[in-house]
C-alpha atoms as a PDB file:
ATOM      1  CA  MET A   1      -0.014  -0.192  -0.054  1.00  0.00           C
ATOM      2  CA  ALA A   2       2.385   2.238   0.950  1.00  0.00           C
ATOM      3  CA  SER A   3       4.432   1.781  -2.409  1.00  0.00           C
ATOM      4  CA  ILE A   4       1.501   2.985  -4.161  1.00  0.00           C
ATOM      5  CA  GLN A   5       0.920   5.593  -2.746  1.00  0.00           C
ATOM      6  CA  ALA A   6       4.477   6.747  -3.074  1.00  0.00           C
ATOM      7  CA  ASP A   7       3.644   5.858  -7.173  1.00  0.00           C
ATOM      8  CA  HIS A   8       0.732   8.247  -7.054  1.00  0.00           C
ATOM      9  CA  PRO A   9       0.995  11.025  -9.689  1.00  0.00           C
ATOM     10  CA  MET A  10       0.041  13.616  -6.646  1.00  0.00           C
ATOM     11  CA  SER A  11       3.394  12.805  -5.098  1.00  0.00           C
ATOM     12  CA  HIS A  12       5.300  13.302  -7.775  1.00  0.00           C
ATOM     13  CA  THR A  13       3.693  16.864  -8.548  1.00  0.00           C
ATOM     14  CA  VAL A  14       4.421  17.376  -4.493  1.00  0.00           C
ATOM     15  CA  ARG A  15       8.037  16.911  -5.290  1.00  0.00           C
ATOM     16  CA  SER A  16       7.960  18.842  -8.115  1.00  0.00           C
ATOM     17  CA  ARG A  17       6.386  21.812  -6.869  1.00  0.00           C
ATOM     18  CA  PHE A  18       8.650  21.760  -3.925  1.00  0.00           C
ATOM     19  CA  ARG A  19      12.030  21.555  -5.807  1.00  0.00           C
ATOM     20  CA  LEU A  20      10.287  24.242  -7.824  1.00  0.00           C
ATOM     21  CA  THR A  21       9.792  26.214  -4.741  1.00  0.00           C
ATOM     22  CA  ASN A  22      13.551  25.794  -3.346  1.00  0.00           C
ATOM     23  CA  ARG A  23      15.002  26.742  -6.337  1.00  0.00           C
ATOM     24  CA  ARG A  24      12.932  29.750  -6.267  1.00  0.00           C
ATOM     25  CA  ARG A  25      13.974  30.546  -2.924  1.00  0.00           C
ATOM     26  CA  GLU A  26      17.730  30.557  -3.950  1.00  0.00           C
ATOM     27  CA  ALA A  27      17.526  32.338  -6.843  1.00  0.00           C
ATOM     28  CA  VAL A  28      15.869  34.989  -4.377  1.00  0.00           C
ATOM     29  CA  MET A  29      18.484  34.798  -1.868  1.00  0.00           C
ATOM     30  CA  ALA A  30      21.220  34.772  -4.286  1.00  0.00           C
ATOM     31  CA  TYR A  31      20.148  38.178  -6.449  1.00  0.00           C
ATOM     32  CA  LEU A  32      19.669  39.589  -2.757  1.00  0.00           C
ATOM     33  CA  PHE A  33      23.195  38.888  -1.987  1.00  0.00           C
ATOM     34  CA  LEU A  34      24.082  40.377  -5.734  1.00  0.00           C
ATOM     35  CA  SER A  35      22.108  43.645  -5.344  1.00  0.00           C
ATOM     36  CA  PRO A  36      24.553  45.694  -3.959  1.00  0.00           C
ATOM     37  CA  TRP A  37      26.993  44.822  -6.515  1.00  0.00           C
ATOM     38  CA  LEU A  38      24.198  45.180  -9.095  1.00  0.00           C
ATOM     39  CA  LEU A  39      22.495  48.764  -8.045  1.00  0.00           C
ATOM     40  CA  GLY A  40      26.358  49.714  -8.051  1.00  0.00           C
ATOM     41  CA  PHE A  41      26.893  48.509 -11.661  1.00  0.00           C
ATOM     42  CA  LEU A  42      23.515  50.074 -12.613  1.00  0.00           C
ATOM     43  CA  ILE A  43      23.893  53.469 -10.644  1.00  0.00           C
ATOM     44  CA  PHE A  44      27.403  54.331 -11.183  1.00  0.00           C
ATOM     45  CA  LEU A  45      28.808  52.394 -14.530  1.00  0.00           C
ATOM     46  CA  VAL A  46      25.411  51.825 -16.645  1.00  0.00           C
ATOM     47  CA  GLY A  47      23.952  55.117 -15.713  1.00  0.00           C
ATOM     48  CA  PRO A  48      26.530  57.318 -16.266  1.00  0.00           C
ATOM     49  CA  MET A  49      27.725  55.553 -19.669  1.00  0.00           C
ATOM     50  CA  VAL A  50      24.049  56.172 -20.935  1.00  0.00           C
ATOM     51  CA  ALA A  51      23.756  59.518 -20.147  1.00  0.00           C
ATOM     52  CA  SER A  52      26.802  60.115 -21.644  1.00  0.00           C
ATOM     53  CA  PHE A  53      26.004  58.819 -24.354  1.00  0.00           C
ATOM     54  CA  TYR A  54      22.948  60.735 -24.890  1.00  0.00           C
ATOM     55  CA  LEU A  55      25.090  63.999 -23.786  1.00  0.00           C
ATOM     56  CA  SER A  56      27.612  63.442 -26.885  1.00  0.00           C
ATOM     57  CA  PHE A  57      24.996  64.360 -28.860  1.00  0.00           C
ATOM     58  CA  THR A  58      24.307  67.856 -27.681  1.00  0.00           C
ATOM     59  CA  GLU A  59      25.434  71.189 -26.699  1.00  0.00           C
ATOM     60  CA  TYR A  60      25.520  71.065 -22.853  1.00  0.00           C
ATOM     61  CA  LYS A  61      27.051  73.712 -20.526  1.00  0.00           C
ATOM     62  CA  VAL A  62      25.841  72.114 -17.502  1.00  0.00           C
ATOM     63  CA  ILE A  63      24.518  75.590 -16.048  1.00  0.00           C
ATOM     64  CA  GLN A  64      21.712  74.951 -19.171  1.00  0.00           C
ATOM     65  CA  PRO A  65      19.724  72.090 -20.321  1.00  0.00           C
ATOM     66  CA  PRO A  66      21.368  70.439 -23.040  1.00  0.00           C
ATOM     67  CA  GLN A  67      20.117  71.349 -26.695  1.00  0.00           C
ATOM     68  CA  TRP A  68      20.034  68.213 -29.495  1.00  0.00           C
ATOM     69  CA  ILE A  69      22.506  68.705 -31.992  1.00  0.00           C
ATOM     70  CA  GLY A  70      23.650  65.563 -33.627  1.00  0.00           C
ATOM     71  CA  LEU A  71      26.728  64.987 -34.754  1.00  0.00           C
ATOM     72  CA  GLY A  72      27.911  68.128 -33.997  1.00  0.00           C
ATOM     73  CA  ASN A  73      30.301  67.461 -31.675  1.00  0.00           C
ATOM     74  CA  TYR A  74      32.005  64.321 -33.204  1.00  0.00           C
ATOM     75  CA  THR A  75      32.481  66.355 -36.522  1.00  0.00           C
ATOM     76  CA  ARG A  76      34.050  69.671 -34.259  1.00  0.00           C
ATOM     77  CA  MET A  77      36.715  67.678 -33.555  1.00  0.00           C
ATOM     78  CA  PHE A  78      37.529  67.647 -37.570  1.00  0.00           C
ATOM     79  CA  GLY A  79      38.498  71.201 -37.177  1.00  0.00           C
ATOM     80  CA  ASP A  80      39.900  70.869 -33.655  1.00  0.00           C
ATOM     81  CA  ASP A  81      43.620  71.364 -33.484  1.00  0.00           C
ATOM     82  CA  LEU A  82      43.555  70.518 -29.858  1.00  0.00           C
ATOM     83  CA  PHE A  83      41.978  67.493 -30.429  1.00  0.00           C
ATOM     84  CA  TYR A  84      44.962  66.639 -33.048  1.00  0.00           C
ATOM     85  CA  GLN A  85      47.552  67.626 -30.760  1.00  0.00           C
ATOM     86  CA  ALA A  86      46.011  65.663 -27.497  1.00  0.00           C
ATOM     87  CA  LEU A  87      45.724  62.250 -29.999  1.00  0.00           C
ATOM     88  CA  SER A  88      49.344  62.659 -31.071  1.00  0.00           C
ATOM     89  CA  VAL A  89      50.709  63.009 -27.721  1.00  0.00           C
ATOM     90  CA  THR A  90      49.174  60.343 -26.539  1.00  0.00           C
ATOM     91  CA  ALA A  91      49.417  57.889 -29.586  1.00  0.00           C
ATOM     92  CA  ARG A  92      53.277  58.727 -29.415  1.00  0.00           C
ATOM     93  CA  TYR A  93      53.380  58.463 -25.995  1.00  0.00           C
ATOM     94  CA  THR A  94      52.140  54.814 -26.402  1.00  0.00           C
ATOM     95  CA  VAL A  95      54.289  53.759 -29.165  1.00  0.00           C
ATOM     96  CA  VAL A  96      57.340  54.340 -27.399  1.00  0.00           C
ATOM     97  CA  SER A  97      56.233  53.593 -23.757  1.00  0.00           C
ATOM     98  CA  VAL A  98      54.225  50.197 -24.159  1.00  0.00           C
ATOM     99  CA  PRO A  99      56.970  48.343 -25.777  1.00  0.00           C
ATOM    100  CA  LEU A 100      60.014  49.963 -23.714  1.00  0.00           C
ATOM    101  CA  GLY A 101      57.957  48.884 -20.297  1.00  0.00           C
ATOM    102  CA  ILE A 102      57.234  45.780 -21.762  1.00  0.00           C
ATOM    103  CA  ALA A 103      60.904  45.099 -22.453  1.00  0.00           C
ATOM    104  CA  VAL A 104      62.376  46.432 -19.339  1.00  0.00           C
ATOM    105  CA  ALA A 105      59.350  44.158 -17.127  1.00  0.00           C
ATOM    106  CA  LEU A 106      60.283  41.009 -19.287  1.00  0.00           C
ATOM    107  CA  ALA A 107      64.307  41.635 -18.286  1.00  0.00           C
ATOM    108  CA  LEU A 108      63.555  42.215 -14.453  1.00  0.00           C
ATOM    109  CA  ALA A 109      61.448  38.795 -14.972  1.00  0.00           C
ATOM    110  CA  ILE A 110      64.278  37.160 -16.306  1.00  0.00           C
ATOM    111  CA  LEU A 111      67.220  37.943 -14.173  1.00  0.00           C
ATOM    112  CA  LEU A 112      64.916  37.520 -10.965  1.00  0.00           C
ATOM    113  CA  ASN A 113      63.961  34.150 -12.246  1.00  0.00           C
ATOM    114  CA  GLN A 114      67.570  33.072 -12.243  1.00  0.00           C
ATOM    115  CA  ARG A 115      68.992  32.084  -8.499  1.00  0.00           C
ATOM    116  CA  ILE A 116      70.675  34.891  -7.605  1.00  0.00           C
ATOM    117  CA  VAL A 117      71.023  36.402  -3.524  1.00  0.00           C
ATOM    118  CA  ALA A 118      68.253  37.887  -2.211  1.00  0.00           C
ATOM    119  CA  ARG A 119      65.927  37.101  -5.196  1.00  0.00           C
ATOM    120  CA  GLY A 120      62.287  37.481  -3.103  1.00  0.00           C
ATOM    121  CA  LEU A 121      64.011  41.002  -1.539  1.00  0.00           C
ATOM    122  CA  LEU A 122      64.797  41.975  -5.222  1.00  0.00           C
ATOM    123  CA  ARG A 123      61.245  40.929  -6.400  1.00  0.00           C
ATOM    124  CA  THR A 124      59.410  42.800  -3.450  1.00  0.00           C
ATOM    125  CA  ILE A 125      61.463  46.017  -4.060  1.00  0.00           C
ATOM    126  CA  PHE A 126      60.772  46.121  -7.980  1.00  0.00           C
ATOM    127  CA  TYR A 127      57.135  45.329  -7.649  1.00  0.00           C
ATOM    128  CA  LEU A 128      56.558  47.767  -4.889  1.00  0.00           C
ATOM    129  CA  PRO A 129      56.580  51.186  -6.967  1.00  0.00           C
ATOM    130  CA  SER A 130      53.703  50.152  -8.539  1.00  0.00           C
ATOM    131  CA  ILE A 131      51.272  50.035  -5.757  1.00  0.00           C
ATOM    132  CA  ILE A 132      52.459  53.557  -4.939  1.00  0.00           C
ATOM    133  CA  SER A 133      49.425  56.369  -5.661  1.00  0.00           C
ATOM    134  CA  GLY A 134      49.779  58.300  -8.731  1.00  0.00           C
ATOM    135  CA  VAL A 135      49.388  61.512  -7.307  1.00  0.00           C
ATOM    136  CA  ALA A 136      52.345  60.795  -5.128  1.00  0.00           C
ATOM    137  CA  VAL A 137      54.597  59.460  -8.151  1.00  0.00           C
ATOM    138  CA  ALA A 138      54.091  62.375  -9.705  1.00  0.00           C
ATOM    139  CA  ILE A 139      54.982  64.553  -7.356  1.00  0.00           C
ATOM    140  CA  VAL A 140      58.164  62.950  -6.720  1.00  0.00           C
ATOM    141  CA  PHE A 141      59.327  63.058 -10.307  1.00  0.00           C
ATOM    142  CA  ALA A 142      58.355  66.489 -10.642  1.00  0.00           C
ATOM    143  CA  TRP A 143      61.162  67.024  -7.813  1.00  0.00           C
ATOM    144  CA  ILE A 144      63.377  64.366  -9.841  1.00  0.00           C
ATOM    145  CA  PHE A 145      63.009  66.649 -13.042  1.00  0.00           C
ATOM    146  CA  ASN A 146      63.370  69.775 -11.860  1.00  0.00           C
ATOM    147  CA  ALA A 147      65.997  71.629 -13.787  1.00  0.00           C
ATOM    148  CA  GLN A 148      67.456  73.234 -10.925  1.00  0.00           C
ATOM    149  CA  PHE A 149      67.354  71.209  -8.281  1.00  0.00           C
ATOM    150  CA  GLY A 150      66.600  67.765  -9.581  1.00  0.00           C
ATOM    151  CA  ILE A 151      68.564  64.537  -9.193  1.00  0.00           C
ATOM    152  CA  LEU A 152      68.486  63.600 -12.354  1.00  0.00           C
ATOM    153  CA  ASN A 153      70.204  66.511 -13.746  1.00  0.00           C
ATOM    154  CA  TYR A 154      73.074  66.213 -10.740  1.00  0.00           C
ATOM    155  CA  LEU A 155      73.590  62.200 -11.088  1.00  0.00           C
ATOM    156  CA  LEU A 156      73.943  63.671 -15.270  1.00  0.00           C
ATOM    157  CA  SER A 157      76.719  66.421 -13.947  1.00  0.00           C
ATOM    158  CA  PHE A 158      78.470  63.575 -13.462  1.00  0.00           C
ATOM    159  CA  VAL A 159      79.596  62.322 -16.653  1.00  0.00           C
ATOM    160  CA  GLY A 160      79.762  65.744 -17.845  1.00  0.00           C
ATOM    161  CA  ILE A 161      76.384  65.895 -19.279  1.00  0.00           C
ATOM    162  CA  ALA A 162      73.927  69.126 -18.701  1.00  0.00           C
ATOM    163  CA  GLY A 163      70.796  68.038 -18.044  1.00  0.00           C
ATOM    164  CA  PRO A 164      67.936  69.103 -20.061  1.00  0.00           C
ATOM    165  CA  ASN A 165      64.797  71.029 -18.997  1.00  0.00           C
ATOM    166  CA  TRP A 166      62.537  68.183 -18.655  1.00  0.00           C
ATOM    167  CA  LEU A 167      59.583  69.765 -17.669  1.00  0.00           C
ATOM    168  CA  GLY A 168      59.981  73.044 -19.284  1.00  0.00           C
ATOM    169  CA  SER A 169      61.128  72.302 -22.451  1.00  0.00           C
ATOM    170  CA  PRO A 170      58.285  70.765 -25.307  1.00  0.00           C
ATOM    171  CA  ARG A 171      61.308  68.683 -26.887  1.00  0.00           C
ATOM    172  CA  TRP A 172      62.022  66.889 -23.845  1.00  0.00           C
ATOM    173  CA  ALA A 173      58.801  66.610 -21.432  1.00  0.00           C
ATOM    174  CA  LEU A 174      57.084  64.038 -22.920  1.00  0.00           C
ATOM    175  CA  TRP A 175      60.504  62.056 -22.634  1.00  0.00           C
ATOM    176  CA  ALA A 176      60.447  62.763 -19.190  1.00  0.00           C
ATOM    177  CA  PHE A 177      56.549  60.823 -18.913  1.00  0.00           C
ATOM    178  CA  VAL A 178      58.331  57.956 -21.051  1.00  0.00           C
ATOM    179  CA  LEU A 179      61.270  57.523 -18.483  1.00  0.00           C
ATOM    180  CA  MET A 180      58.723  57.840 -15.216  1.00  0.00           C
ATOM    181  CA  SER A 181      56.383  55.019 -17.588  1.00  0.00           C
ATOM    182  CA  LEU A 182      59.095  52.768 -16.086  1.00  0.00           C
ATOM    183  CA  TRP A 183      58.586  53.233 -12.449  1.00  0.00           C
ATOM    184  CA  GLY A 184      55.556  51.064 -12.689  1.00  0.00           C
ATOM    185  CA  VAL A 185      57.643  48.027 -14.205  1.00  0.00           C
ATOM    186  CA  GLY A 186      56.656  45.967 -11.551  1.00  0.00           C
ATOM    187  CA  GLY A 187      53.208  44.591 -11.823  1.00  0.00           C
ATOM    188  CA  ASN A 188      53.980  43.786 -15.333  1.00  0.00           C
ATOM    189  CA  MET A 189      57.113  41.766 -14.217  1.00  0.00           C
ATOM    190  CA  VAL A 190      54.922  39.906 -11.677  1.00  0.00           C
ATOM    191  CA  ILE A 191      52.906  38.616 -14.680  1.00  0.00           C
ATOM    192  CA  PHE A 192      55.959  37.876 -16.478  1.00  0.00           C
ATOM    193  CA  LEU A 193      57.676  35.876 -13.919  1.00  0.00           C
ATOM    194  CA  ALA A 194      54.793  33.528 -13.483  1.00  0.00           C
ATOM    195  CA  ALA A 195      54.482  32.981 -17.245  1.00  0.00           C
ATOM    196  CA  LEU A 196      58.198  32.140 -16.966  1.00  0.00           C
ATOM    197  CA  GLN A 197      57.779  29.496 -14.343  1.00  0.00           C
ATOM    198  CA  GLY A 198      55.603  27.735 -16.198  1.00  0.00           C
ATOM    199  CA  VAL A 199      57.470  26.672 -18.847  1.00  0.00           C
ATOM    200  CA  PRO A 200      58.545  23.548 -19.121  1.00  0.00           C
ATOM    201  CA  LYS A 201      62.238  23.286 -18.090  1.00  0.00           C
ATOM    202  CA  ALA A 202      62.564  20.220 -20.021  1.00  0.00           C
ATOM    203  CA  LEU A 203      62.382  22.410 -22.979  1.00  0.00           C
ATOM    204  CA  TYR A 204      65.280  24.306 -22.754  1.00  0.00           C
ATOM    205  CA  GLU A 205      67.213  21.362 -21.705  1.00  0.00           C
ATOM    206  CA  ALA A 206      66.542  19.703 -25.110  1.00  0.00           C
ATOM    207  CA  GLY A 207      67.838  23.113 -26.953  1.00  0.00           C
ATOM    208  CA  GLU A 208      70.813  23.328 -25.168  1.00  0.00           C
ATOM    209  CA  LEU A 209      71.594  19.208 -26.499  1.00  0.00           C
ATOM    210  CA  ASP A 210      70.847  20.388 -30.387  1.00  0.00           C
ATOM    211  CA  GLY A 211      73.429  23.330 -29.520  1.00  0.00           C
ATOM    212  CA  ALA A 212      70.719  26.429 -29.423  1.00  0.00           C
ATOM    213  CA  THR A 213      72.313  29.480 -27.763  1.00  0.00           C
ATOM    214  CA  ARG A 214      71.094  31.458 -25.013  1.00  0.00           C
ATOM    215  CA  TRP A 215      69.239  33.823 -27.498  1.00  0.00           C
ATOM    216  CA  GLN A 216      68.017  31.050 -29.726  1.00  0.00           C
ATOM    217  CA  ARG A 217      66.548  29.783 -26.461  1.00  0.00           C
ATOM    218  CA  PHE A 218      64.833  33.025 -25.720  1.00  0.00           C
ATOM    219  CA  TRP A 219      63.497  33.190 -29.224  1.00  0.00           C
ATOM    220  CA  ARG A 220      62.757  29.208 -29.606  1.00  0.00           C
ATOM    221  CA  ILE A 221      61.275  28.626 -26.526  1.00  0.00           C
ATOM    222  CA  THR A 222      60.776  31.895 -23.943  1.00  0.00           C
ATOM    223  CA  ALA A 223      58.858  34.129 -26.021  1.00  0.00           C
ATOM    224  CA  PRO A 224      56.604  31.669 -27.739  1.00  0.00           C
ATOM    225  CA  MET A 225      55.786  30.020 -24.326  1.00  0.00           C
ATOM    226  CA  ILE A 226      55.165  33.286 -22.522  1.00  0.00           C
ATOM    227  CA  SER A 227      53.858  34.876 -25.341  1.00  0.00           C
ATOM    228  CA  PRO A 228      50.006  35.148 -24.072  1.00  0.00           C
ATOM    229  CA  ALA A 229      51.301  36.519 -21.064  1.00  0.00           C
ATOM    230  CA  ILE A 230      52.982  39.486 -23.640  1.00  0.00           C
ATOM    231  CA  LEU A 231      49.752  39.805 -25.399  1.00  0.00           C
ATOM    232  CA  PHE A 232      47.697  40.524 -21.826  1.00  0.00           C
ATOM    233  CA  VAL A 233      50.452  43.124 -20.742  1.00  0.00           C
ATOM    234  CA  THR A 234      50.032  44.608 -24.363  1.00  0.00           C
ATOM    235  CA  ILE A 235      46.632  45.205 -23.954  1.00  0.00           C
ATOM    236  CA  MET A 236      46.098  46.403 -20.781  1.00  0.00           C
ATOM    237  CA  GLY A 237      49.551  48.766 -21.326  1.00  0.00           C
ATOM    238  CA  ILE A 238      47.440  50.179 -24.586  1.00  0.00           C
ATOM    239  CA  ILE A 239      44.527  50.714 -22.137  1.00  0.00           C
ATOM    240  CA  ALA A 240      46.883  52.234 -19.289  1.00  0.00           C
ATOM    241  CA  SER A 241      48.728  54.336 -21.567  1.00  0.00           C
ATOM    242  CA  PHE A 242      45.504  55.582 -23.371  1.00  0.00           C
ATOM    243  CA  GLN A 243      44.249  56.570 -20.024  1.00  0.00           C
ATOM    244  CA  THR A 244      47.066  58.955 -18.940  1.00  0.00           C
ATOM    245  CA  PHE A 245      45.813  61.849 -16.818  1.00  0.00           C
ATOM    246  CA  THR A 246      47.116  62.207 -13.565  1.00  0.00           C
ATOM    247  CA  GLN A 247      51.086  62.825 -14.326  1.00  0.00           C
ATOM    248  CA  SER A 248      50.303  65.790 -16.903  1.00  0.00           C
ATOM    249  CA  TYR A 249      47.860  66.969 -14.876  1.00  0.00           C
ATOM    250  CA  ILE A 250      49.531  66.944 -11.982  1.00  0.00           C
ATOM    251  CA  MET A 251      52.981  67.887 -13.458  1.00  0.00           C
ATOM    252  CA  THR A 252      52.644  69.700 -16.310  1.00  0.00           C
ATOM    253  CA  GLY A 253      49.044  70.592 -16.751  1.00  0.00           C
ATOM    254  CA  GLY A 254      49.733  70.189 -20.358  1.00  0.00           C
ATOM    255  CA  GLY A 255      52.536  72.320 -20.905  1.00  0.00           C
ATOM    256  CA  PRO A 256      54.790  73.605 -22.216  1.00  0.00           C
ATOM    257  CA  ALA A 257      52.801  74.622 -25.867  1.00  0.00           C
ATOM    258  CA  ASN A 258      50.554  71.340 -25.186  1.00  0.00           C
ATOM    259  CA  SER A 259      53.264  68.696 -25.780  1.00  0.00           C
ATOM    260  CA  THR A 260      52.094  66.698 -22.611  1.00  0.00           C
ATOM    261  CA  LEU A 261      48.508  67.607 -23.566  1.00  0.00           C
ATOM    262  CA  PHE A 262      47.471  63.965 -23.324  1.00  0.00           C
ATOM    263  CA  TYR A 263      43.835  62.722 -24.355  1.00  0.00           C
ATOM    264  CA  LEU A 264      42.605  62.139 -21.327  1.00  0.00           C
ATOM    265  CA  LEU A 265      43.719  65.642 -19.940  1.00  0.00           C
ATOM    266  CA  TYR A 266      41.929  67.411 -22.936  1.00  0.00           C
ATOM    267  CA  LEU A 267      39.061  65.815 -22.028  1.00  0.00           C
ATOM    268  CA  TYR A 268      39.084  66.889 -18.700  1.00  0.00           C
ATOM    269  CA  LYS A 269      39.838  70.456 -19.745  1.00  0.00           C
ATOM    270  CA  ASN A 270      36.731  70.553 -22.066  1.00  0.00           C
ATOM    271  CA  ALA A 271      34.522  68.935 -19.075  1.00  0.00           C
ATOM    272  CA  PHE A 272      35.440  70.684 -16.193  1.00  0.00           C
ATOM    273  CA  SER A 273      37.466  73.690 -16.929  1.00  0.00           C
ATOM    274  CA  TRP A 274      35.688  74.724 -20.242  1.00  0.00           C
ATOM    275  CA  PHE A 275      31.862  73.346 -19.058  1.00  0.00           C
ATOM    276  CA  GLU A 276      31.940  71.828 -22.914  1.00  0.00           C
ATOM    277  CA  MET A 277      30.246  68.611 -21.231  1.00  0.00           C
ATOM    278  CA  GLY A 278      28.507  67.608 -24.755  1.00  0.00           C
ATOM    279  CA  TYR A 279      31.819  67.430 -26.753  1.00  0.00           C
ATOM    280  CA  ALA A 280      33.916  66.118 -23.614  1.00  0.00           C
ATOM    281  CA  SER A 281      31.493  62.772 -23.891  1.00  0.00           C
ATOM    282  CA  ALA A 282      31.676  62.882 -27.591  1.00  0.00           C
ATOM    283  CA  LEU A 283      35.507  62.703 -27.067  1.00  0.00           C
ATOM    284  CA  ALA A 284      34.814  60.129 -24.199  1.00  0.00           C
ATOM    285  CA  TRP A 285      33.239  57.642 -26.499  1.00  0.00           C
ATOM    286  CA  LEU A 286      35.814  58.166 -29.294  1.00  0.00           C
ATOM    287  CA  LEU A 287      38.321  57.189 -26.809  1.00  0.00           C
ATOM    288  CA  PHE A 288      36.484  54.317 -25.960  1.00  0.00           C
ATOM    289  CA  LEU A 289      35.715  53.211 -29.692  1.00  0.00           C
ATOM    290  CA  ILE A 290      39.724  53.846 -30.214  1.00  0.00           C
ATOM    291  CA  ILE A 291      40.449  51.152 -27.273  1.00  0.00           C
ATOM    292  CA  ILE A 292      38.071  48.720 -28.449  1.00  0.00           C
ATOM    293  CA  ILE A 293      39.740  48.516 -32.210  1.00  0.00           C
ATOM    294  CA  CYS A 294      43.395  48.115 -30.824  1.00  0.00           C
ATOM    295  CA  THR A 295      42.009  45.302 -28.704  1.00  0.00           C
ATOM    296  CA  LEU A 296      40.101  44.005 -31.493  1.00  0.00           C
ATOM    297  CA  LEU A 297      43.222  44.222 -33.766  1.00  0.00           C
ATOM    298  CA  LEU A 298      45.448  42.858 -31.271  1.00  0.00           C
ATOM    299  CA  LEU A 299      43.469  39.885 -30.187  1.00  0.00           C
ATOM    300  CA  ARG A 300      43.090  39.624 -34.038  1.00  0.00           C
ATOM    301  CA  SER A 301      47.008  39.333 -34.613  1.00  0.00           C
ATOM    302  CA  SER A 302      47.238  36.955 -31.864  1.00  0.00           C
ATOM    303  CA  THR A 303      46.353  34.211 -33.988  1.00  0.00           C
ATOM    304  CA  TRP A 304      49.673  34.678 -35.825  1.00  0.00           C
ATOM    305  CA  TRP A 305      52.225  35.061 -32.803  1.00  0.00           C
ATOM    306  CA  VAL A 306      50.697  34.403 -29.401  1.00  0.00           C
ATOM    307  CA  TYR A 307      51.188  30.192 -28.951  1.00  0.00           C
ATOM    308  CA  TYR A 308      48.342  28.472 -26.940  1.00  0.00           C
ATOM    309  CA  GLU A 309      49.653  24.706 -25.690  1.00  0.00           C
ATOM    310  CA  GLY A 310      46.209  23.568 -25.635  1.00  0.00           C
ATOM    311  CA  ASP A 311      45.723  24.382 -29.326  1.00  0.00           C
ATOM    312  CA  GLN A 312      48.527  22.763 -30.390  1.00  0.00           C
ATOM    313  CA  GLU A 313      47.496  19.522 -28.256  1.00  0.00           C
ATOM    314  CA  ARG A 314      44.070  19.714 -30.317  1.00  0.00           C
ATOM    315  CA  GLY A 315      45.737  20.249 -33.339  1.00  0.00           C
ATOM    316  CA  ARG A 316      47.320  16.640 -33.166  1.00  0.00           C
END
């Protein structure tokens, strides 16, 4: 009799409803715990993005209601000399600082991956600068690059070189920012260290048996094996370089002669100095588009030079 009752269709229905109720309760609890993040995401990220997208099609000077002008802000860029200057400064800075930073970070990672004295301490010392506040770093480097009492020109004087006016010369100001970008290579160094430690030692042993030199082992073994890390660091470096703001805002304000007028600084001046909020929103969306295009191009090109061990195994 008990078995008949257990197999009754009503019992299956009750169990199904019970399971459905439990799933709904779990779903409600999950969304309840996620709600703080979801609300923050919608209010502080999605909301401002939607608002800025609308404002990019308006003329909005903050103290007056926005007026719809369509693509006026975007067409305005084509006749804006400061826009071209800011884009040129940022592009030149990116082209030089990103590869240089990758090379220095990789060299440090290779060095600190060897068995040397105080290796752990040295790793910590090289990593710590990457976590210091950008404002503090900018103030320190403003003193370092000072033409009168800066330590850099003081050190150059020992080798008979008269240091330039780093931050006061349109010729040297951008190079000062490139040198300063090397301060934070410790973060990328840690990424490269993790990638280097994942390279099988058997590959190096096989290369040595085949008579490969150190350079050949680096180009034939190390570089392909850590190429995914190089791709990641390159993408993040390009994104960060296009968003350079704090250094130029604190140290030069975009000068001298707009030689350090980075794109994000120009956007900031339009929004909060000249109150051209609509034009600044258009500049922000163009920057977003530029970053997306650069990222997609790098990801598309990665099929030619990035090696994934899993793809190789599946190909076999």
